[in-house]
Structures are given as structure tokens and as C-alpha cells.
């Protein structure tokens, strides 16, 4: 919602300042629909010509995501670290066969389903499952896994930056398209050169609305939206970097609790949970696991199922 609020403030300051200085909005409002048609139509046509249909759809989705705001908050990083911790604990206590139940069918996993928001992010689920599966296949060289994950994250980042690049290019073109609209207005004015100075002045004022509108849309709306999308992509990439840090730390021989702490240190500072907050969450899972084991030993019952023990 920052985008809508920021744009409303831009409009308030621009037109409010114009009115306070004694300006008249009527000529702008009269010319606005025609100038928007020229500038907006030309920009949309150029955008479609220079990009695929898939990229245009991705751009529209990215604009919607930018309006809604960043999807990752501190609690999301806690949930991610907790999920990775629980999976690594299964690998540590039950071995790779116990872990396979979760990573091969995450939709049926009690651990994954404990985090419904994370399950809605297919990229995160795929990264976790794919690379833990590779570890299960004896691809346990931390340097190779780290490099492979780095390449994949660069690919994800490049693909997700396309909407921002598209909008940046459009923002750069809008002032020039505004000049095109203004020149058309001047041409229209020159064909009426025999009119009175008052009529010619009004026509020239309408022509200049094109230049004004092109610059305003470029630096007051499209450019900031492109930058907002770029920053959101950076935040998403940092979220995936936590996954890489934890898995690589695990392959380097660190115990799950320490591996997750390495991941916590990778979280961007505004969203990084405190050590105490993350530790409190992990301690709850350790206490539950200890209680389950104690109940089994004390009760002499059947061995807990692999799924229930992992959960």
C-alpha cells in the first residue's frame, strides 16, 4: 500500500502547489484524456512490442505484488528456520530414509504442512526438497552444493527482475513520449495561427500538458514502482539465501541448531529474529520430541511411526 499512498502524496503536492501558486486546473483537466491516450497508448504499445506475452503478464503480477507489499516478515523467517531445523533433526535422528518421507511428498508431510504460508511458495519448497534430495543421493560436497544453489538463485533473481527492467525502460521512454504529445499539440496550434492570442495561449497550454504528463508519470509513478519491484525481488532472494546457508552449514558438519543459527545471521537486518525468539521456537520442538521419546520409553509401547516422530 506504500505505492498508492506515495502516489497520492505526489499528486497532492504537485497539483496542490500548482493551485496555491494561482494555477488553473481546468486546461490540464480538459487536455488530460487526450494526452493520456497518446502517451499511455504509445507506452503500452511499445511495451508489448518489446516483450513477450508471458513477460507482460509477469509484469502485471509484479505490479500487484508491489502494491500489496513485501510478503516476507520476521515470522516468515522464523518459520523457515524452524522448518529447516525440523527436517535436519529428522535427518540426524532417523537418517536419510526418514527424511525421504518429507522431501519426496511435501504435500503429505506433517512438517511441511505445519507452515501453510511457506507451502504456498513453490520456489522455497522446491529448493529445500531438491537440494536435500541431492544430499540424500550422496551429493554432499558443501562447495559444489553451494555453487549450484548460487547459480540457481542468480537465475531466479534474473527472471524476477524482468518486470522491474520492463518498467524502468518504460519510465525512461515516457518523457520522450510526452514530448511527442506536446509536438502534436504545437502542430495543432500552428494550424490555428490566425486565431486570437487568448485562443493560441490556451492551445499552447494544452500542448505543454503532454510534456508535463510524460515527466510526471515517469518520475512520479512508473519509475518508483519499478524500483519497488526490484527491492522486493532482492528481499525474496535474501529469503532463499537463508535456505542455502542452512543446507550448506549442515553439509559442513554443523548440528541442526548451529546450522539454523547460521541461516538466521543471513536474514536481512530489518527482519532478522533475535536469537532468543528463534531459540524459543526451536526449544518447543525439542521439548515435544523429548516428551514423545520419554513417553515411549516409560510406556513400553510400540515404536512411534516415522511420520509422527519426525513431526
C-alpha atoms as a PDB file:
ATOM      1  CA  UNK A   1       0.000   0.000   0.000  1.00  0.00           C
ATOM      2  CA  UNK A   2       3.008   2.319   0.199  1.00  0.00           C
ATOM      3  CA  UNK A   3       2.818   2.807  -3.558  1.00  0.00           C
ATOM      4  CA  UNK A   4      -0.777   4.060  -3.518  1.00  0.00           C
ATOM      5  CA  UNK A   5      -0.162   6.307  -0.531  1.00  0.00           C
ATOM      6  CA  UNK A   6       3.055   7.680  -2.004  1.00  0.00           C
ATOM      7  CA  UNK A   7       1.466   8.386  -5.385  1.00  0.00           C
ATOM      8  CA  UNK A   8      -1.482  10.140  -3.704  1.00  0.00           C
ATOM      9  CA  UNK A   9       1.008  12.324  -1.818  1.00  0.00           C
ATOM     10  CA  UNK A  10       2.860  13.116  -5.054  1.00  0.00           C
ATOM     11  CA  UNK A  11      -0.406  14.188  -6.706  1.00  0.00           C
ATOM     12  CA  UNK A  12      -1.372  16.266  -3.682  1.00  0.00           C
ATOM     13  CA  UNK A  13       1.948  18.108  -3.614  1.00  0.00           C
ATOM     14  CA  UNK A  14       2.159  18.681  -7.384  1.00  0.00           C
ATOM     15  CA  UNK A  15      -1.372  19.889  -8.002  1.00  0.00           C
ATOM     16  CA  UNK A  16      -1.770  21.433  -4.553  1.00  0.00           C
ATOM     17  CA  UNK A  17       1.340  23.522  -5.081  1.00  0.00           C
ATOM     18  CA  UNK A  18       0.087  24.484  -8.548  1.00  0.00           C
ATOM     19  CA  UNK A  19      -3.240  25.673  -7.129  1.00  0.00           C
ATOM     20  CA  UNK A  20      -1.600  27.547  -4.244  1.00  0.00           C
ATOM     21  CA  UNK A  21       0.591  29.366  -6.778  1.00  0.00           C
ATOM     22  CA  UNK A  22      -2.561  30.554  -8.532  1.00  0.00           C
ATOM     23  CA  UNK A  23      -2.738  27.975 -11.292  1.00  0.00           C
ATOM     24  CA  UNK A  24      -5.919  26.864 -13.022  1.00  0.00           C
ATOM     25  CA  UNK A  25      -6.557  23.132 -13.288  1.00  0.00           C
ATOM     26  CA  UNK A  26      -9.205  23.439 -15.988  1.00  0.00           C
ATOM     27  CA  UNK A  27      -6.826  23.481 -19.004  1.00  0.00           C
ATOM     28  CA  UNK A  28      -4.989  20.449 -17.594  1.00  0.00           C
ATOM     29  CA  UNK A  29      -8.212  18.523 -16.979  1.00  0.00           C
ATOM     30  CA  UNK A  30      -9.515  19.302 -20.456  1.00  0.00           C
ATOM     31  CA  UNK A  31      -6.319  18.127 -22.174  1.00  0.00           C
ATOM     32  CA  UNK A  32      -5.630  15.212 -19.826  1.00  0.00           C
ATOM     33  CA  UNK A  33      -7.748  12.477 -21.502  1.00  0.00           C
ATOM     34  CA  UNK A  34      -6.249  13.108 -24.947  1.00  0.00           C
ATOM     35  CA  UNK A  35      -2.688  13.344 -23.655  1.00  0.00           C
ATOM     36  CA  UNK A  36      -3.150  10.155 -21.636  1.00  0.00           C
ATOM     37  CA  UNK A  37      -4.397   8.382 -24.751  1.00  0.00           C
ATOM     38  CA  UNK A  38      -1.363   9.473 -26.761  1.00  0.00           C
ATOM     39  CA  UNK A  39       1.292   8.908 -24.107  1.00  0.00           C
ATOM     40  CA  UNK A  40      -0.233   5.885 -22.379  1.00  0.00           C
ATOM     41  CA  UNK A  41      -1.204   4.187 -25.631  1.00  0.00           C
ATOM     42  CA  UNK A  42       2.236   4.711 -27.151  1.00  0.00           C
ATOM     43  CA  UNK A  43       3.945   3.435 -23.996  1.00  0.00           C
ATOM     44  CA  UNK A  44       1.701   0.360 -23.804  1.00  0.00           C
ATOM     45  CA  UNK A  45       2.225  -0.404 -27.491  1.00  0.00           C
ATOM     46  CA  UNK A  46       5.999  -0.095 -27.198  1.00  0.00           C
ATOM     47  CA  UNK A  47       5.950  -2.308 -24.095  1.00  0.00           C
ATOM     48  CA  UNK A  48       4.005  -5.025 -25.899  1.00  0.00           C
ATOM     49  CA  UNK A  49       6.267  -4.837 -28.936  1.00  0.00           C
ATOM     50  CA  UNK A  50       9.443  -5.241 -26.929  1.00  0.00           C
ATOM     51  CA  UNK A  51       8.340  -8.035 -24.578  1.00  0.00           C
ATOM     52  CA  UNK A  52       6.694 -11.427 -24.759  1.00  0.00           C
ATOM     53  CA  UNK A  53       3.142 -12.035 -23.596  1.00  0.00           C
ATOM     54  CA  UNK A  54       4.490 -14.055 -20.659  1.00  0.00           C
ATOM     55  CA  UNK A  55       6.721 -11.165 -19.579  1.00  0.00           C
ATOM     56  CA  UNK A  56       3.825  -8.708 -19.820  1.00  0.00           C
ATOM     57  CA  UNK A  57       1.679 -10.947 -17.609  1.00  0.00           C
ATOM     58  CA  UNK A  58       4.562 -11.355 -15.170  1.00  0.00           C
ATOM     59  CA  UNK A  59       4.933  -7.570 -15.059  1.00  0.00           C
ATOM     60  CA  UNK A  60       1.250  -7.092 -14.197  1.00  0.00           C
ATOM     61  CA  UNK A  61       1.514  -9.656 -11.398  1.00  0.00           C
ATOM     62  CA  UNK A  62       4.663  -7.946 -10.118  1.00  0.00           C
ATOM     63  CA  UNK A  63       2.869  -4.584 -10.003  1.00  0.00           C
ATOM     64  CA  UNK A  64       0.069  -6.186  -7.979  1.00  0.00           C
ATOM     65  CA  UNK A  65       2.619  -7.724  -5.605  1.00  0.00           C
ATOM     66  CA  UNK A  66       4.346  -4.348  -5.247  1.00  0.00           C
ATOM     67  CA  UNK A  67       1.049  -2.690  -4.295  1.00  0.00           C
ATOM     68  CA  UNK A  68       0.370  -5.359  -1.668  1.00  0.00           C
ATOM     69  CA  UNK A  69       3.882  -5.021  -0.226  1.00  0.00           C
ATOM     70  CA  UNK A  70       6.649  -7.401   0.802  1.00  0.00           C
ATOM     71  CA  UNK A  71       5.435 -10.912   1.564  1.00  0.00           C
ATOM     72  CA  UNK A  72       8.239 -11.799   3.997  1.00  0.00           C
ATOM     73  CA  UNK A  73       8.234 -10.601   7.586  1.00  0.00           C
ATOM     74  CA  UNK A  74      10.124 -11.667  10.706  1.00  0.00           C
ATOM     75  CA  UNK A  75       7.705 -14.503  11.467  1.00  0.00           C
ATOM     76  CA  UNK A  76       8.206 -15.935   7.975  1.00  0.00           C
ATOM     77  CA  UNK A  77      11.950 -16.205   8.599  1.00  0.00           C
ATOM     78  CA  UNK A  78      11.298 -17.870  11.949  1.00  0.00           C
ATOM     79  CA  UNK A  79       9.005 -20.388  10.249  1.00  0.00           C
ATOM     80  CA  UNK A  80      11.595 -21.071   7.557  1.00  0.00           C
ATOM     81  CA  UNK A  81      14.357 -21.670  10.105  1.00  0.00           C
ATOM     82  CA  UNK A  82      12.045 -23.862  12.191  1.00  0.00           C
ATOM     83  CA  UNK A  83      11.101 -25.957   9.156  1.00  0.00           C
ATOM     84  CA  UNK A  84      14.741 -26.450   8.175  1.00  0.00           C
ATOM     85  CA  UNK A  85      15.650 -27.302  11.765  1.00  0.00           C
ATOM     86  CA  UNK A  86      12.962 -29.969  11.981  1.00  0.00           C
ATOM     87  CA  UNK A  87      13.995 -31.513   8.668  1.00  0.00           C
ATOM     88  CA  UNK A  88      17.650 -31.613   9.681  1.00  0.00           C
ATOM     89  CA  UNK A  89      16.698 -33.147  13.018  1.00  0.00           C
ATOM     90  CA  UNK A  90      14.873 -35.912  11.146  1.00  0.00           C
ATOM     91  CA  UNK A  91      17.972 -36.452   9.026  1.00  0.00           C
ATOM     92  CA  UNK A  92      20.126 -36.559  12.164  1.00  0.00           C
ATOM     93  CA  UNK A  93      17.938 -38.950  14.184  1.00  0.00           C
ATOM     94  CA  UNK A  94      16.235 -41.050  11.517  1.00  0.00           C
ATOM     95  CA  UNK A  95      18.734 -40.864   8.705  1.00  0.00           C
ATOM     96  CA  UNK A  96      18.027 -40.083   5.086  1.00  0.00           C
ATOM     97  CA  UNK A  97      15.305 -42.713   4.864  1.00  0.00           C
ATOM     98  CA  UNK A  98      13.335 -40.855   7.497  1.00  0.00           C
ATOM     99  CA  UNK A  99      13.892 -37.557   5.690  1.00  0.00           C
ATOM    100  CA  UNK A 100      12.829 -39.028   2.347  1.00  0.00           C
ATOM    101  CA  UNK A 101       9.214 -39.287   3.535  1.00  0.00           C
ATOM    102  CA  UNK A 102       9.051 -35.496   3.792  1.00  0.00           C
ATOM    103  CA  UNK A 103      11.076 -34.291   0.835  1.00  0.00           C
ATOM    104  CA  UNK A 104       9.554 -36.657  -1.724  1.00  0.00           C
ATOM    105  CA  UNK A 105       5.957 -35.767  -0.830  1.00  0.00           C
ATOM    106  CA  UNK A 106       5.988 -32.389   0.944  1.00  0.00           C
ATOM    107  CA  UNK A 107       2.239 -32.037   0.441  1.00  0.00           C
ATOM    108  CA  UNK A 108       1.715 -35.090   2.661  1.00  0.00           C
ATOM    109  CA  UNK A 109       4.377 -34.145   5.205  1.00  0.00           C
ATOM    110  CA  UNK A 110       3.252 -33.169   8.693  1.00  0.00           C
ATOM    111  CA  UNK A 111       6.324 -30.952   8.987  1.00  0.00           C
ATOM    112  CA  UNK A 112       5.741 -29.000   5.777  1.00  0.00           C
ATOM    113  CA  UNK A 113       2.016 -28.689   6.423  1.00  0.00           C
ATOM    114  CA  UNK A 114       2.785 -27.035   9.756  1.00  0.00           C
ATOM    115  CA  UNK A 115       3.749 -23.943   7.732  1.00  0.00           C
ATOM    116  CA  UNK A 116       0.876 -23.229   5.300  1.00  0.00           C
ATOM    117  CA  UNK A 117       2.220 -19.860   4.131  1.00  0.00           C
ATOM    118  CA  UNK A 118       5.575 -21.366   3.248  1.00  0.00           C
ATOM    119  CA  UNK A 119       3.801 -24.167   1.393  1.00  0.00           C
ATOM    120  CA  UNK A 120       2.244 -21.521  -0.850  1.00  0.00           C
ATOM    121  CA  UNK A 121       5.729 -20.604  -2.100  1.00  0.00           C
ATOM    122  CA  UNK A 122       6.634 -23.360  -4.572  1.00  0.00           C
ATOM    123  CA  UNK A 123      10.151 -21.997  -5.106  1.00  0.00           C
ATOM    124  CA  UNK A 124      11.051 -22.334  -1.417  1.00  0.00           C
ATOM    125  CA  UNK A 125       9.597 -25.841  -1.202  1.00  0.00           C
ATOM    126  CA  UNK A 126      11.405 -26.892  -4.389  1.00  0.00           C
ATOM    127  CA  UNK A 127      14.742 -25.516  -3.200  1.00  0.00           C
ATOM    128  CA  UNK A 128      14.507 -27.308   0.140  1.00  0.00           C
ATOM    129  CA  UNK A 129      13.343 -30.624  -1.294  1.00  0.00           C
ATOM    130  CA  UNK A 130      15.607 -30.664  -4.350  1.00  0.00           C
ATOM    131  CA  UNK A 131      18.844 -29.988  -2.507  1.00  0.00           C
ATOM    132  CA  UNK A 132      18.072 -32.238   0.450  1.00  0.00           C
ATOM    133  CA  UNK A 133      17.233 -34.904  -2.123  1.00  0.00           C
ATOM    134  CA  UNK A 134      20.627 -34.362  -3.739  1.00  0.00           C
ATOM    135  CA  UNK A 135      22.258 -34.757  -0.333  1.00  0.00           C
ATOM    136  CA  UNK A 136      20.301 -37.981   0.026  1.00  0.00           C
ATOM    137  CA  UNK A 137      21.860 -39.092  -3.275  1.00  0.00           C
ATOM    138  CA  UNK A 138      25.366 -38.623  -1.790  1.00  0.00           C
ATOM    139  CA  UNK A 139      25.929 -35.205  -3.380  1.00  0.00           C
ATOM    140  CA  UNK A 140      27.315 -33.976  -0.071  1.00  0.00           C
ATOM    141  CA  UNK A 141      30.194 -31.731  -1.138  1.00  0.00           C
ATOM    142  CA  UNK A 142      29.288 -28.386   0.500  1.00  0.00           C
ATOM    143  CA  UNK A 143      31.260 -26.353  -2.056  1.00  0.00           C
ATOM    144  CA  UNK A 144      29.511 -27.971  -5.027  1.00  0.00           C
ATOM    145  CA  UNK A 145      26.069 -27.634  -3.453  1.00  0.00           C
ATOM    146  CA  UNK A 146      26.724 -24.013  -2.536  1.00  0.00           C
ATOM    147  CA  UNK A 147      27.813 -23.199  -6.087  1.00  0.00           C
ATOM    148  CA  UNK A 148      24.820 -24.983  -7.601  1.00  0.00           C
ATOM    149  CA  UNK A 149      22.416 -23.152  -5.324  1.00  0.00           C
ATOM    150  CA  UNK A 150      24.129 -19.829  -6.049  1.00  0.00           C
ATOM    151  CA  UNK A 151      23.662 -20.363  -9.795  1.00  0.00           C
ATOM    152  CA  UNK A 152      20.012 -21.250  -9.350  1.00  0.00           C
ATOM    153  CA  UNK A 153      19.385 -18.231  -7.134  1.00  0.00           C
ATOM    154  CA  UNK A 154      21.035 -15.970  -9.717  1.00  0.00           C
ATOM    155  CA  UNK A 155      18.727 -17.421 -12.351  1.00  0.00           C
ATOM    156  CA  UNK A 156      15.656 -16.851 -10.149  1.00  0.00           C
ATOM    157  CA  UNK A 157      16.751 -13.289  -9.420  1.00  0.00           C
ATOM    158  CA  UNK A 158      17.352 -12.502 -13.105  1.00  0.00           C
ATOM    159  CA  UNK A 159      13.957 -13.843 -14.128  1.00  0.00           C
ATOM    160  CA  UNK A 160      12.129 -11.984 -11.372  1.00  0.00           C
ATOM    161  CA  UNK A 161      13.884  -8.717 -12.207  1.00  0.00           C
ATOM    162  CA  UNK A 162      12.427  -8.682 -15.727  1.00  0.00           C
ATOM    163  CA  UNK A 163       9.249  -6.809 -14.702  1.00  0.00           C
ATOM    164  CA  UNK A 164      11.356  -4.139 -12.995  1.00  0.00           C
ATOM    165  CA  UNK A 165      13.561  -3.817 -16.078  1.00  0.00           C
ATOM    166  CA  UNK A 166      10.498  -3.543 -18.314  1.00  0.00           C
ATOM    167  CA  UNK A 167       9.033  -0.756 -16.192  1.00  0.00           C
ATOM    168  CA  UNK A 168      12.389   1.026 -15.963  1.00  0.00           C
ATOM    169  CA  UNK A 169      12.634   1.073 -19.746  1.00  0.00           C
ATOM    170  CA  UNK A 170       9.071   2.381 -19.974  1.00  0.00           C
ATOM    171  CA  UNK A 171       9.820   5.085 -17.406  1.00  0.00           C
ATOM    172  CA  UNK A 172      12.815   6.202 -19.470  1.00  0.00           C
ATOM    173  CA  UNK A 173      10.605   6.440 -22.570  1.00  0.00           C
ATOM    174  CA  UNK A 174       7.716   8.377 -21.029  1.00  0.00           C
ATOM    175  CA  UNK A 175       9.337  11.874 -21.072  1.00  0.00           C
ATOM    176  CA  UNK A 176      10.131  11.443 -24.771  1.00  0.00           C
ATOM    177  CA  UNK A 177       6.580  10.287 -25.470  1.00  0.00           C
ATOM    178  CA  UNK A 178       5.384  13.354 -23.580  1.00  0.00           C
ATOM    179  CA  UNK A 179       7.407  15.475 -25.997  1.00  0.00           C
ATOM    180  CA  UNK A 180       5.721  13.669 -28.897  1.00  0.00           C
ATOM    181  CA  UNK A 181       2.323  14.602 -27.475  1.00  0.00           C
ATOM    182  CA  UNK A 182       3.491  18.184 -26.941  1.00  0.00           C
ATOM    183  CA  UNK A 183       4.769  18.471 -30.533  1.00  0.00           C
ATOM    184  CA  UNK A 184       1.413  17.246 -31.810  1.00  0.00           C
ATOM    185  CA  UNK A 185      -0.217  19.978 -29.727  1.00  0.00           C
ATOM    186  CA  UNK A 186       2.119  22.578 -31.193  1.00  0.00           C
ATOM    187  CA  UNK A 187       1.289  21.359 -34.716  1.00  0.00           C
ATOM    188  CA  UNK A 188      -2.397  21.733 -33.892  1.00  0.00           C
ATOM    189  CA  UNK A 189      -1.729  25.250 -32.584  1.00  0.00           C
ATOM    190  CA  UNK A 190       0.189  26.289 -35.703  1.00  0.00           C
ATOM    191  CA  UNK A 191      -2.739  25.311 -37.900  1.00  0.00           C
ATOM    192  CA  UNK A 192      -4.831  27.858 -35.995  1.00  0.00           C
ATOM    193  CA  UNK A 193      -2.258  30.659 -36.139  1.00  0.00           C
ATOM    194  CA  UNK A 194      -4.913  33.164 -37.240  1.00  0.00           C
ATOM    195  CA  UNK A 195      -6.823  32.809 -34.014  1.00  0.00           C
ATOM    196  CA  UNK A 196      -6.669  35.379 -31.209  1.00  0.00           C
ATOM    197  CA  UNK A 197      -3.776  35.325 -28.717  1.00  0.00           C
ATOM    198  CA  UNK A 198      -6.107  34.043 -25.992  1.00  0.00           C
ATOM    199  CA  UNK A 199      -7.083  31.013 -28.078  1.00  0.00           C
ATOM    200  CA  UNK A 200      -3.489  30.332 -29.116  1.00  0.00           C
ATOM    201  CA  UNK A 201      -2.324  30.579 -25.500  1.00  0.00           C
ATOM    202  CA  UNK A 202      -4.913  28.029 -24.394  1.00  0.00           C
ATOM    203  CA  UNK A 203      -3.880  25.681 -27.189  1.00  0.00           C
ATOM    204  CA  UNK A 204      -0.185  26.002 -26.318  1.00  0.00           C
ATOM    205  CA  UNK A 205      -1.002  25.356 -22.657  1.00  0.00           C
ATOM    206  CA  UNK A 206      -2.836  22.166 -23.622  1.00  0.00           C
ATOM    207  CA  UNK A 207       0.142  21.113 -25.733  1.00  0.00           C
ATOM    208  CA  UNK A 208       2.519  21.503 -22.788  1.00  0.00           C
ATOM    209  CA  UNK A 209       0.342  19.167 -20.708  1.00  0.00           C
ATOM    210  CA  UNK A 210       1.866  16.320 -22.742  1.00  0.00           C
ATOM    211  CA  UNK A 211       5.406  17.145 -21.615  1.00  0.00           C
ATOM    212  CA  UNK A 212       4.222  17.615 -18.038  1.00  0.00           C
ATOM    213  CA  UNK A 213       2.335  14.319 -18.008  1.00  0.00           C
ATOM    214  CA  UNK A 214       5.191  12.303 -19.503  1.00  0.00           C
ATOM    215  CA  UNK A 215       7.678  13.559 -16.920  1.00  0.00           C
ATOM    216  CA  UNK A 216       5.227  13.130 -14.037  1.00  0.00           C
ATOM    217  CA  UNK A 217       4.338   9.545 -14.955  1.00  0.00           C
ATOM    218  CA  UNK A 218       7.995   8.663 -15.458  1.00  0.00           C
ATOM    219  CA  UNK A 219       9.463  10.019 -12.231  1.00  0.00           C
ATOM    220  CA  UNK A 220       6.330  10.072 -10.098  1.00  0.00           C
ATOM    221  CA  UNK A 221       4.814   6.656 -10.788  1.00  0.00           C
ATOM    222  CA  UNK A 222       6.386   4.150 -13.191  1.00  0.00           C
ATOM    223  CA  UNK A 223       9.997   4.642 -12.101  1.00  0.00           C
ATOM    224  CA  UNK A 224       9.232   4.306  -8.362  1.00  0.00           C
ATOM    225  CA  UNK A 225       7.091   1.208  -8.996  1.00  0.00           C
ATOM    226  CA  UNK A 226       9.971  -0.382 -10.925  1.00  0.00           C
ATOM    227  CA  UNK A 227      12.352   0.345  -8.057  1.00  0.00           C
ATOM    228  CA  UNK A 228       9.864  -1.066  -5.558  1.00  0.00           C
ATOM    229  CA  UNK A 229       9.642  -4.312  -7.540  1.00  0.00           C
ATOM    230  CA  UNK A 230      13.436  -4.503  -7.705  1.00  0.00           C
ATOM    231  CA  UNK A 231      13.721  -4.167  -3.931  1.00  0.00           C
ATOM    232  CA  UNK A 232      11.063  -6.817  -3.375  1.00  0.00           C
ATOM    233  CA  UNK A 233      12.988  -9.210  -5.612  1.00  0.00           C
ATOM    234  CA  UNK A 234      16.092  -8.553  -3.525  1.00  0.00           C
ATOM    235  CA  UNK A 235      14.097  -9.389  -0.373  1.00  0.00           C
ATOM    236  CA  UNK A 236      12.851 -12.636  -1.935  1.00  0.00           C
ATOM    237  CA  UNK A 237      16.376 -13.589  -2.928  1.00  0.00           C
ATOM    238  CA  UNK A 238      17.568 -12.993   0.648  1.00  0.00           C
ATOM    239  CA  UNK A 239      14.817 -15.360   1.839  1.00  0.00           C
ATOM    240  CA  UNK A 240      16.152 -18.092  -0.440  1.00  0.00           C
ATOM    241  CA  UNK A 241      19.697 -17.329   0.667  1.00  0.00           C
ATOM    242  CA  UNK A 242      18.710 -18.490   4.162  1.00  0.00           C
ATOM    243  CA  UNK A 243      17.871 -21.906   2.710  1.00  0.00           C
ATOM    244  CA  UNK A 244      21.254 -22.086   1.027  1.00  0.00           C
ATOM    245  CA  UNK A 245      23.113 -21.028   4.173  1.00  0.00           C
ATOM    246  CA  UNK A 246      21.409 -23.636   6.363  1.00  0.00           C
ATOM    247  CA  UNK A 247      21.839 -26.540   3.932  1.00  0.00           C
ATOM    248  CA  UNK A 248      25.499 -25.712   3.271  1.00  0.00           C
ATOM    249  CA  UNK A 249      26.162 -25.366   7.013  1.00  0.00           C
ATOM    250  CA  UNK A 250      24.554 -28.778   7.529  1.00  0.00           C
ATOM    251  CA  UNK A 251      26.812 -30.301   4.873  1.00  0.00           C
ATOM    252  CA  UNK A 252      29.820 -28.790   6.613  1.00  0.00           C
ATOM    253  CA  UNK A 253      29.015 -30.929   9.633  1.00  0.00           C
ATOM    254  CA  UNK A 254      27.291 -28.416  11.901  1.00  0.00           C
ATOM    255  CA  UNK A 255      24.493 -29.693  14.112  1.00  0.00           C
ATOM    256  CA  UNK A 256      20.955 -28.556  13.152  1.00  0.00           C
ATOM    257  CA  UNK A 257      20.722 -25.892  15.845  1.00  0.00           C
ATOM    258  CA  UNK A 258      24.004 -24.274  14.782  1.00  0.00           C
ATOM    259  CA  UNK A 259      23.176 -24.622  11.056  1.00  0.00           C
ATOM    260  CA  UNK A 260      19.915 -22.783  11.625  1.00  0.00           C
ATOM    261  CA  UNK A 261      21.772 -20.083  13.566  1.00  0.00           C
ATOM    262  CA  UNK A 262      23.995 -19.604  10.506  1.00  0.00           C
ATOM    263  CA  UNK A 263      20.826 -19.123   8.479  1.00  0.00           C
ATOM    264  CA  UNK A 264      19.445 -16.623  10.994  1.00  0.00           C
ATOM    265  CA  UNK A 265      22.552 -14.496  10.569  1.00  0.00           C
ATOM    266  CA  UNK A 266      21.807 -14.377   6.813  1.00  0.00           C
ATOM    267  CA  UNK A 267      18.369 -12.798   7.328  1.00  0.00           C
ATOM    268  CA  UNK A 268      18.196  -9.086   6.357  1.00  0.00           C
ATOM    269  CA  UNK A 269      18.598  -6.930   9.441  1.00  0.00           C
ATOM    270  CA  UNK A 270      15.055  -5.408   9.463  1.00  0.00           C
ATOM    271  CA  UNK A 271      13.527  -8.905   9.567  1.00  0.00           C
ATOM    272  CA  UNK A 272      16.179 -10.856  11.463  1.00  0.00           C
ATOM    273  CA  UNK A 273      14.639 -12.558  14.517  1.00  0.00           C
ATOM    274  CA  UNK A 274      16.549 -12.394  17.747  1.00  0.00           C
ATOM    275  CA  UNK A 275      18.444 -15.410  18.971  1.00  0.00           C
ATOM    276  CA  UNK A 276      16.002 -15.706  21.872  1.00  0.00           C
ATOM    277  CA  UNK A 277      12.920 -15.634  19.631  1.00  0.00           C
ATOM    278  CA  UNK A 278      14.230 -18.361  17.348  1.00  0.00           C
ATOM    279  CA  UNK A 279      15.588 -20.409  20.227  1.00  0.00           C
ATOM    280  CA  UNK A 280      12.201 -20.311  21.977  1.00  0.00           C
ATOM    281  CA  UNK A 281      10.552 -21.700  18.853  1.00  0.00           C
ATOM    282  CA  UNK A 282      13.124 -24.461  18.406  1.00  0.00           C
ATOM    283  CA  UNK A 283      13.040 -25.350  22.090  1.00  0.00           C
ATOM    284  CA  UNK A 284       9.326 -26.071  21.766  1.00  0.00           C
ATOM    285  CA  UNK A 285      10.037 -28.686  19.108  1.00  0.00           C
ATOM    286  CA  UNK A 286      12.891 -30.177  21.155  1.00  0.00           C
ATOM    287  CA  UNK A 287      10.660 -30.411  24.224  1.00  0.00           C
ATOM    288  CA  UNK A 288       7.931 -32.092  22.205  1.00  0.00           C
ATOM    289  CA  UNK A 289      10.438 -34.550  20.753  1.00  0.00           C
ATOM    290  CA  UNK A 290      11.863 -35.320  24.207  1.00  0.00           C
ATOM    291  CA  UNK A 291       8.377 -35.809  25.638  1.00  0.00           C
ATOM    292  CA  UNK A 292       7.467 -38.216  22.850  1.00  0.00           C
ATOM    293  CA  UNK A 293      10.633 -40.221  23.410  1.00  0.00           C
ATOM    294  CA  UNK A 294      10.092 -40.303  27.183  1.00  0.00           C
ATOM    295  CA  UNK A 295       6.508 -41.445  26.759  1.00  0.00           C
ATOM    296  CA  UNK A 296       7.650 -44.281  24.543  1.00  0.00           C
ATOM    297  CA  UNK A 297      10.381 -45.417  26.955  1.00  0.00           C
ATOM    298  CA  UNK A 298       8.193 -45.105  30.017  1.00  0.00           C
ATOM    299  CA  UNK A 299       5.113 -46.694  28.471  1.00  0.00           C
ATOM    300  CA  UNK A 300       6.861 -49.528  26.747  1.00  0.00           C
ATOM    301  CA  UNK A 301       4.562 -49.107  23.759  1.00  0.00           C
ATOM    302  CA  UNK A 302       5.174 -49.584  20.109  1.00  0.00           C
ATOM    303  CA  UNK A 303       7.800 -47.521  18.383  1.00  0.00           C
ATOM    304  CA  UNK A 304       6.338 -44.230  17.123  1.00  0.00           C
ATOM    305  CA  UNK A 305       5.810 -44.123  13.407  1.00  0.00           C
ATOM    306  CA  UNK A 306       8.429 -42.410  11.303  1.00  0.00           C
ATOM    307  CA  UNK A 307       5.995 -39.656  10.340  1.00  0.00           C
ATOM    308  CA  UNK A 308       4.821 -38.909  13.865  1.00  0.00           C
ATOM    309  CA  UNK A 309       8.352 -38.929  15.254  1.00  0.00           C
ATOM    310  CA  UNK A 310       9.530 -36.566  12.544  1.00  0.00           C
ATOM    311  CA  UNK A 311       6.666 -34.180  13.148  1.00  0.00           C
END
